């Protein structure tokens, strides 16, 4: 009986260690995906579908013809808490919305609204070549 209990205990420990390794790999994969999205997309936003500030930031961004905008809805990801903790490394916060332009954290709704109100959002987007109007037309197209 003692051997059986030791065997069960050993299996439990192994299972816990394997679960931890799998969890670590999942978090590493999520972080790699987040970093890739932030540096690959000209405009990257992390949001939640029900967040009123996320909706307001989307409305601000919708006033521009953004060429390369990706929005990730954390509440639809299946990894909301993990993604928020990863984002904290890059933005200093876990709340949404979070806006990145050219790989740089800009802020949430309030910061973006302030930048927009000062007339500085369009130049930021232009500098990132994130607007359709930044495209170079070839052969009069």
N, C-alpha and C. Protein backbone atom coordinates (compact mmCIF):
# COMPACT_ATOMS: atom_id res chain seq x y z
N UNK A 1 0.82 -1.19 0.00
CA UNK A 1 0.00 0.00 0.00
C UNK A 1 0.87 1.26 0.00
N UNK A 2 1.94 1.25 0.78
CA UNK A 2 2.84 2.39 0.84
C UNK A 2 3.47 2.64 -0.53
N UNK A 3 3.88 1.56 -1.20
CA UNK A 3 4.47 1.69 -2.54
C UNK A 3 3.46 2.33 -3.50
N UNK A 4 2.21 1.92 -3.39
CA UNK A 4 1.17 2.46 -4.25
C UNK A 4 1.00 3.96 -4.02
N UNK A 5 0.98 4.37 -2.76
CA UNK A 5 0.83 5.79 -2.43
C UNK A 5 2.04 6.59 -2.93
N UNK A 6 3.25 6.04 -2.78
CA UNK A 6 4.45 6.72 -3.27
C UNK A 6 4.37 6.86 -4.79
N UNK A 7 3.92 5.81 -5.45
CA UNK A 7 3.77 5.82 -6.91
C UNK A 7 2.78 6.91 -7.35
N UNK A 8 1.64 6.97 -6.69
CA UNK A 8 0.62 7.98 -7.00
C UNK A 8 1.17 9.38 -6.74
N UNK A 9 1.89 9.55 -5.64
CA UNK A 9 2.50 10.85 -5.30
C UNK A 9 3.50 11.26 -6.39
N UNK A 10 4.33 10.32 -6.84
CA UNK A 10 5.31 10.60 -7.88
C UNK A 10 4.63 11.00 -9.19
N UNK A 11 3.58 10.31 -9.54
CA UNK A 11 2.83 10.64 -10.77
C UNK A 11 2.23 12.04 -10.64
N UNK A 12 1.69 12.36 -9.49
CA UNK A 12 1.10 13.68 -9.27
C UNK A 12 2.14 14.77 -9.43
N UNK A 13 3.33 14.58 -8.87
CA UNK A 13 4.40 15.56 -8.98
C UNK A 13 4.80 15.73 -10.44
N UNK A 14 4.97 14.63 -11.15
CA UNK A 14 5.33 14.69 -12.57
C UNK A 14 4.27 15.43 -13.37
N UNK A 15 3.01 15.12 -13.09
CA UNK A 15 1.91 15.79 -13.80
C UNK A 15 1.94 17.29 -13.53
N UNK A 16 2.17 17.69 -12.28
CA UNK A 16 2.23 19.11 -11.93
C UNK A 16 3.38 19.79 -12.65
N UNK A 17 4.53 19.14 -12.71
CA UNK A 17 5.68 19.72 -13.39
C UNK A 17 5.42 19.85 -14.89
N UNK A 18 4.79 18.85 -15.48
CA UNK A 18 4.46 18.92 -16.91
C UNK A 18 3.43 20.02 -17.17
N UNK A 19 2.46 20.16 -16.28
CA UNK A 19 1.46 21.22 -16.42
C UNK A 19 2.12 22.59 -16.35
N UNK A 20 3.07 22.74 -15.42
CA UNK A 20 3.79 24.01 -15.26
C UNK A 20 4.61 24.31 -16.52
N UNK A 21 5.28 23.29 -17.06
CA UNK A 21 6.06 23.48 -18.28
C UNK A 21 5.15 23.89 -19.44
N UNK A 22 3.99 23.25 -19.54
CA UNK A 22 3.04 23.59 -20.60
C UNK A 22 2.53 25.02 -20.41
N UNK A 23 2.23 25.40 -19.18
CA UNK A 23 1.77 26.75 -18.89
C UNK A 23 2.86 27.77 -19.24
N UNK A 24 4.12 27.48 -18.87
CA UNK A 24 5.23 28.38 -19.19
C UNK A 24 5.38 28.54 -20.70
N UNK A 25 5.22 27.43 -21.44
CA UNK A 25 5.33 27.48 -22.89
C UNK A 25 4.19 28.31 -23.47
N UNK A 26 2.99 28.15 -22.95
CA UNK A 26 1.85 28.92 -23.42
C UNK A 26 2.08 30.41 -23.20
N UNK A 27 2.57 30.78 -22.02
CA UNK A 27 2.84 32.19 -21.72
C UNK A 27 3.94 32.71 -22.63
N UNK A 28 4.98 31.93 -22.85
CA UNK A 28 6.07 32.33 -23.75
C UNK A 28 5.53 32.52 -25.17
N UNK A 29 4.69 31.60 -25.62
CA UNK A 29 4.09 31.71 -26.96
C UNK A 29 3.22 32.97 -27.06
N UNK A 30 2.44 33.24 -26.01
CA UNK A 30 1.59 34.44 -25.99
C UNK A 30 2.45 35.70 -26.05
N UNK A 31 3.52 35.71 -25.26
CA UNK A 31 4.40 36.89 -25.25
C UNK A 31 5.05 37.08 -26.62
N UNK A 32 5.51 36.00 -27.23
CA UNK A 32 6.09 36.10 -28.56
C UNK A 32 5.09 36.67 -29.56
N UNK A 33 3.84 36.23 -29.47
CA UNK A 33 2.79 36.71 -30.37
C UNK A 33 2.51 38.19 -30.13
N UNK A 34 2.42 38.59 -28.87
CA UNK A 34 2.16 40.00 -28.55
C UNK A 34 3.29 40.88 -29.06
N UNK A 35 4.52 40.50 -28.77
CA UNK A 35 5.68 41.29 -29.22
C UNK A 35 5.70 41.36 -30.75
N UNK A 36 5.45 40.24 -31.40
CA UNK A 36 5.43 40.23 -32.86
C UNK A 36 4.35 41.17 -33.40
N UNK A 37 3.16 41.13 -32.81
CA UNK A 37 2.09 42.02 -33.26
C UNK A 37 2.46 43.49 -33.06
N UNK A 38 3.05 43.80 -31.92
CA UNK A 38 3.39 45.20 -31.62
C UNK A 38 4.43 45.73 -32.61
N UNK A 39 5.42 44.92 -32.94
CA UNK A 39 6.47 45.41 -33.83
C UNK A 39 6.13 45.24 -35.32
N UNK A 40 5.21 44.34 -35.64
CA UNK A 40 4.87 44.09 -37.04
C UNK A 40 3.80 45.04 -37.56
N UNK A 41 2.82 45.34 -36.75
CA UNK A 41 1.71 46.19 -37.20
C UNK A 41 2.00 47.65 -36.89
N UNK A 42 1.68 48.50 -37.84
CA UNK A 42 1.94 49.93 -37.67
C UNK A 42 1.13 50.48 -36.51
N UNK A 43 -0.12 50.02 -36.39
CA UNK A 43 -1.00 50.44 -35.29
C UNK A 43 -1.58 49.18 -34.66
N UNK A 44 -1.34 49.02 -33.39
CA UNK A 44 -1.77 47.83 -32.65
C UNK A 44 -2.55 48.27 -31.42
N UNK A 45 -3.73 47.70 -31.25
CA UNK A 45 -4.57 48.06 -30.12
C UNK A 45 -5.02 46.81 -29.40
N UNK A 46 -4.94 46.85 -28.08
CA UNK A 46 -5.49 45.80 -27.23
C UNK A 46 -6.71 46.38 -26.55
N UNK A 47 -7.78 45.60 -26.55
CA UNK A 47 -9.10 46.11 -26.20
C UNK A 47 -9.90 45.01 -25.52
N UNK A 48 -11.06 45.39 -25.02
CA UNK A 48 -12.09 44.43 -24.60
C UNK A 48 -13.40 44.90 -25.23
N UNK A 49 -14.17 43.97 -25.71
CA UNK A 49 -15.37 44.31 -26.47
C UNK A 49 -16.36 45.16 -25.67
N UNK A 50 -16.41 44.97 -24.38
CA UNK A 50 -17.41 45.66 -23.55
C UNK A 50 -16.88 46.94 -22.89
N UNK A 51 -15.62 47.25 -23.08
CA UNK A 51 -15.00 48.39 -22.40
C UNK A 51 -15.39 49.70 -23.08
N UNK A 52 -16.01 50.63 -22.35
CA UNK A 52 -16.41 51.90 -22.98
C UNK A 52 -15.21 52.73 -23.46
N UNK A 53 -14.08 52.64 -22.77
CA UNK A 53 -12.90 53.40 -23.21
C UNK A 53 -12.29 52.79 -24.47
N UNK A 54 -12.37 51.47 -24.58
CA UNK A 54 -11.92 50.82 -25.81
C UNK A 54 -12.79 51.26 -26.98
N UNK A 55 -14.09 51.33 -26.76
CA UNK A 55 -15.01 51.78 -27.81
C UNK A 55 -14.70 53.21 -28.23
N UNK A 56 -14.40 54.06 -27.25
CA UNK A 56 -14.07 55.46 -27.56
C UNK A 56 -12.77 55.56 -28.35
N UNK A 57 -11.78 54.76 -27.99
CA UNK A 57 -10.52 54.80 -28.72
C UNK A 57 -10.71 54.27 -30.14
N UNK A 58 -11.51 53.24 -30.30
CA UNK A 58 -11.81 52.74 -31.65
C UNK A 58 -12.48 53.83 -32.48
N UNK A 59 -13.34 54.62 -31.85
CA UNK A 59 -14.01 55.70 -32.57
C UNK A 59 -13.01 56.76 -33.02
N UNK A 60 -12.04 57.07 -32.18
CA UNK A 60 -10.99 58.02 -32.57
C UNK A 60 -10.22 57.47 -33.77
N UNK A 61 -9.80 56.22 -33.67
CA UNK A 61 -9.02 55.62 -34.75
C UNK A 61 -9.82 55.51 -36.03
N UNK A 62 -11.14 55.32 -35.91
CA UNK A 62 -12.00 55.18 -37.08
C UNK A 62 -12.08 56.46 -37.91
N UNK A 63 -11.68 57.58 -37.35
CA UNK A 63 -11.70 58.84 -38.11
C UNK A 63 -10.53 58.93 -39.08
N UNK A 64 -9.63 57.96 -39.01
CA UNK A 64 -8.46 57.93 -39.89
C UNK A 64 -8.55 56.70 -40.79
N UNK A 65 -8.00 56.82 -41.99
CA UNK A 65 -7.91 55.68 -42.89
C UNK A 65 -6.60 54.97 -42.60
N UNK A 66 -6.62 54.09 -41.60
CA UNK A 66 -5.40 53.42 -41.16
C UNK A 66 -5.18 52.18 -42.02
N UNK A 67 -3.97 52.11 -42.55
CA UNK A 67 -3.58 51.05 -43.47
C UNK A 67 -3.32 49.73 -42.76
N UNK A 68 -2.72 49.78 -41.60
CA UNK A 68 -2.30 48.55 -40.92
C UNK A 68 -2.66 48.64 -39.43
N UNK A 69 -3.93 48.39 -39.15
CA UNK A 69 -4.44 48.42 -37.78
C UNK A 69 -4.88 47.01 -37.39
N UNK A 70 -4.35 46.54 -36.27
CA UNK A 70 -4.82 45.26 -35.73
C UNK A 70 -5.36 45.53 -34.34
N UNK A 71 -6.53 44.98 -34.06
CA UNK A 71 -7.15 45.09 -32.74
C UNK A 71 -7.33 43.69 -32.19
N UNK A 72 -6.82 43.47 -30.99
CA UNK A 72 -7.00 42.19 -30.31
C UNK A 72 -7.95 42.42 -29.14
N UNK A 73 -9.04 41.68 -29.16
CA UNK A 73 -10.03 41.75 -28.08
C UNK A 73 -9.62 40.73 -27.02
N UNK A 74 -9.07 41.21 -25.92
CA UNK A 74 -8.55 40.31 -24.90
C UNK A 74 -9.62 39.39 -24.33
N UNK A 75 -10.84 39.89 -24.20
CA UNK A 75 -11.91 39.07 -23.63
C UNK A 75 -12.34 37.94 -24.56
N UNK A 76 -11.91 37.97 -25.81
CA UNK A 76 -12.23 36.91 -26.76
C UNK A 76 -11.06 35.95 -26.95
N UNK A 77 -9.93 36.23 -26.30
CA UNK A 77 -8.70 35.48 -26.55
C UNK A 77 -8.61 34.14 -25.84
N UNK A 78 -9.32 34.00 -24.74
CA UNK A 78 -9.18 32.79 -23.94
C UNK A 78 -7.99 32.85 -22.98
N UNK A 79 -7.22 33.93 -23.07
CA UNK A 79 -6.04 34.11 -22.21
C UNK A 79 -5.98 35.54 -21.68
N UNK A 80 -7.12 36.08 -21.30
CA UNK A 80 -7.21 37.49 -20.93
C UNK A 80 -6.21 37.87 -19.85
N UNK A 81 -6.22 37.19 -18.73
CA UNK A 81 -5.35 37.56 -17.61
C UNK A 81 -3.88 37.43 -17.97
N UNK A 82 -3.52 36.34 -18.64
CA UNK A 82 -2.12 36.14 -19.02
C UNK A 82 -1.66 37.25 -19.97
N UNK A 83 -2.50 37.60 -20.93
CA UNK A 83 -2.13 38.64 -21.89
C UNK A 83 -2.00 40.00 -21.20
N UNK A 84 -2.87 40.26 -20.24
CA UNK A 84 -2.77 41.53 -19.52
C UNK A 84 -1.46 41.61 -18.73
N UNK A 85 -1.05 40.52 -18.14
CA UNK A 85 0.22 40.51 -17.40
C UNK A 85 1.40 40.69 -18.35
N UNK A 86 1.33 40.08 -19.51
CA UNK A 86 2.41 40.25 -20.50
C UNK A 86 2.44 41.71 -20.97
N UNK A 87 1.28 42.27 -21.27
CA UNK A 87 1.23 43.66 -21.73
C UNK A 87 1.80 44.63 -20.70
N UNK A 88 1.65 44.28 -19.43
CA UNK A 88 2.18 45.14 -18.37
C UNK A 88 3.69 45.32 -18.52
N UNK A 89 4.38 44.31 -19.00
CA UNK A 89 5.83 44.42 -19.23
C UNK A 89 6.17 45.51 -20.25
N UNK A 90 5.28 45.71 -21.22
CA UNK A 90 5.56 46.61 -22.33
C UNK A 90 4.89 47.97 -22.22
N UNK A 91 3.87 48.06 -21.37
CA UNK A 91 3.15 49.33 -21.25
C UNK A 91 3.11 49.86 -19.82
N UNK A 92 3.40 48.98 -18.86
CA UNK A 92 3.32 49.41 -17.47
C UNK A 92 1.92 49.32 -16.89
N UNK A 93 0.99 48.80 -17.66
CA UNK A 93 -0.39 48.69 -17.15
C UNK A 93 -1.07 47.44 -17.66
N UNK A 94 -2.11 47.05 -16.93
CA UNK A 94 -2.88 45.87 -17.32
C UNK A 94 -4.24 46.25 -17.88
N UNK A 95 -4.60 47.51 -17.78
CA UNK A 95 -5.92 47.95 -18.23
C UNK A 95 -5.96 48.13 -19.75
N UNK A 96 -7.16 48.15 -20.29
CA UNK A 96 -7.35 48.43 -21.71
C UNK A 96 -8.17 49.70 -21.83
N UNK A 97 -8.10 50.34 -22.97
CA UNK A 97 -7.36 49.98 -24.16
C UNK A 97 -5.87 50.32 -24.03
N UNK A 98 -5.09 49.68 -24.89
CA UNK A 98 -3.67 49.98 -25.01
C UNK A 98 -3.37 50.15 -26.50
N UNK A 99 -2.77 51.29 -26.83
CA UNK A 99 -2.47 51.61 -28.22
C UNK A 99 -0.96 51.70 -28.41
N UNK A 100 -0.48 51.01 -29.45
CA UNK A 100 0.91 51.06 -29.84
C UNK A 100 0.97 51.55 -31.28
N UNK A 101 1.86 52.48 -31.55
CA UNK A 101 2.10 52.96 -32.92
C UNK A 101 3.58 52.81 -33.20
N UNK A 102 3.90 52.15 -34.28
CA UNK A 102 5.30 51.87 -34.65
C UNK A 102 6.07 51.21 -33.51
N UNK A 103 5.39 50.30 -32.81
CA UNK A 103 6.05 49.56 -31.74
C UNK A 103 6.19 50.32 -30.43
N UNK A 104 5.70 51.56 -30.40
CA UNK A 104 5.83 52.39 -29.20
C UNK A 104 4.47 52.52 -28.50
N UNK A 105 4.49 52.33 -27.18
CA UNK A 105 3.25 52.47 -26.42
C UNK A 105 2.85 53.93 -26.37
N UNK A 106 1.63 54.20 -26.82
CA UNK A 106 1.11 55.57 -26.85
C UNK A 106 0.29 55.85 -25.60
N UNK A 107 -0.53 54.88 -25.20
CA UNK A 107 -1.38 55.05 -24.02
C UNK A 107 -2.73 54.40 -24.24
N UNK A 108 -3.65 54.81 -23.40
CA UNK A 108 -5.02 54.35 -23.50
C UNK A 108 -5.87 55.40 -24.16
N UNK A 109 -7.15 55.38 -23.87
CA UNK A 109 -8.06 56.36 -24.47
C UNK A 109 -7.71 57.78 -24.08
N UNK A 110 -7.52 58.02 -22.78
CA UNK A 110 -7.31 59.39 -22.32
C UNK A 110 -6.05 60.02 -22.93
N UNK A 111 -4.96 59.26 -22.98
CA UNK A 111 -3.73 59.78 -23.56
C UNK A 111 -3.89 60.03 -25.06
N UNK A 112 -4.55 59.10 -25.74
CA UNK A 112 -4.76 59.24 -27.18
C UNK A 112 -5.69 60.41 -27.47
N UNK A 113 -6.72 60.58 -26.66
CA UNK A 113 -7.64 61.72 -26.81
C UNK A 113 -6.87 63.02 -26.66
N UNK A 114 -5.98 63.10 -25.66
CA UNK A 114 -5.19 64.31 -25.44
C UNK A 114 -4.27 64.59 -26.64
N UNK A 115 -3.66 63.54 -27.16
CA UNK A 115 -2.79 63.69 -28.33
C UNK A 115 -3.61 64.15 -29.54
N UNK A 116 -4.79 63.56 -29.71
CA UNK A 116 -5.69 63.94 -30.81
C UNK A 116 -6.12 65.39 -30.66
N UNK A 117 -6.48 65.79 -29.45
CA UNK A 117 -6.94 67.16 -29.21
C UNK A 117 -5.86 68.20 -29.48
N UNK A 118 -4.60 67.81 -29.33
CA UNK A 118 -3.48 68.72 -29.62
C UNK A 118 -3.08 68.66 -31.09
N UNK A 119 -3.77 67.83 -31.87
CA UNK A 119 -3.46 67.73 -33.28
C UNK A 119 -2.20 66.91 -33.57
N UNK A 120 -1.83 66.06 -32.63
CA UNK A 120 -0.58 65.30 -32.78
C UNK A 120 -0.76 63.85 -33.20
N UNK A 121 -2.00 63.37 -33.26
CA UNK A 121 -2.20 61.97 -33.62
C UNK A 121 -1.94 61.74 -35.11
N UNK A 122 -2.48 62.60 -35.96
CA UNK A 122 -2.24 62.43 -37.41
C UNK A 122 -0.75 62.42 -37.72
N UNK A 123 0.04 63.38 -37.21
CA UNK A 123 1.48 63.31 -37.49
C UNK A 123 2.14 62.02 -37.00
N UNK A 124 1.69 61.51 -35.87
CA UNK A 124 2.22 60.22 -35.38
C UNK A 124 1.91 59.09 -36.36
N UNK A 125 0.68 59.07 -36.83
CA UNK A 125 0.27 58.05 -37.79
C UNK A 125 0.98 58.22 -39.13
N UNK A 126 1.17 59.47 -39.55
CA UNK A 126 1.89 59.73 -40.79
C UNK A 126 3.34 59.28 -40.69
N UNK A 127 3.97 59.61 -39.58
CA UNK A 127 5.37 59.21 -39.36
C UNK A 127 5.51 57.69 -39.40
N UNK A 128 4.49 56.98 -38.93
CA UNK A 128 4.50 55.51 -38.94
C UNK A 128 4.10 54.95 -40.31
N UNK A 129 3.80 55.83 -41.28
CA UNK A 129 3.30 55.41 -42.58
C UNK A 129 2.09 54.50 -42.43
N UNK A 130 1.24 54.85 -41.48
CA UNK A 130 0.09 54.01 -41.15
C UNK A 130 -1.19 54.43 -41.85
N UNK A 131 -1.15 55.52 -42.60
CA UNK A 131 -2.36 56.00 -43.26
C UNK A 131 -2.33 55.67 -44.74
N UNK A 132 -3.50 55.36 -45.30
CA UNK A 132 -3.58 55.09 -46.72
C UNK A 132 -3.07 56.28 -47.52
N UNK A 133 -3.25 57.49 -47.00
CA UNK A 133 -2.80 58.69 -47.71
C UNK A 133 -1.29 58.79 -47.78
N UNK A 134 -0.57 57.96 -47.01
CA UNK A 134 0.89 57.94 -47.06
C UNK A 134 1.43 57.11 -48.22
N UNK A 135 0.57 56.36 -48.86
CA UNK A 135 1.02 55.46 -49.91
C UNK A 135 1.55 56.24 -51.11
N UNK A 136 2.60 55.74 -51.68
CA UNK A 136 3.16 56.33 -52.90
C UNK A 136 2.41 55.73 -54.08
N UNK A 137 1.90 56.57 -54.91
CA UNK A 137 1.15 56.10 -56.07
C UNK A 137 2.11 55.90 -57.24
N UNK A 138 1.99 54.77 -57.88
CA UNK A 138 2.85 54.44 -59.00
C UNK A 138 2.02 54.47 -60.29
N UNK A 139 2.59 55.08 -61.31
CA UNK A 139 1.93 55.16 -62.63
C UNK A 139 0.56 55.81 -62.55
N UNK A 140 0.44 56.83 -61.73
CA UNK A 140 -0.81 57.57 -61.62
C UNK A 140 -1.94 56.80 -60.98
N UNK A 141 -1.65 55.65 -60.40
CA UNK A 141 -2.70 54.84 -59.77
C UNK A 141 -3.10 55.37 -58.43
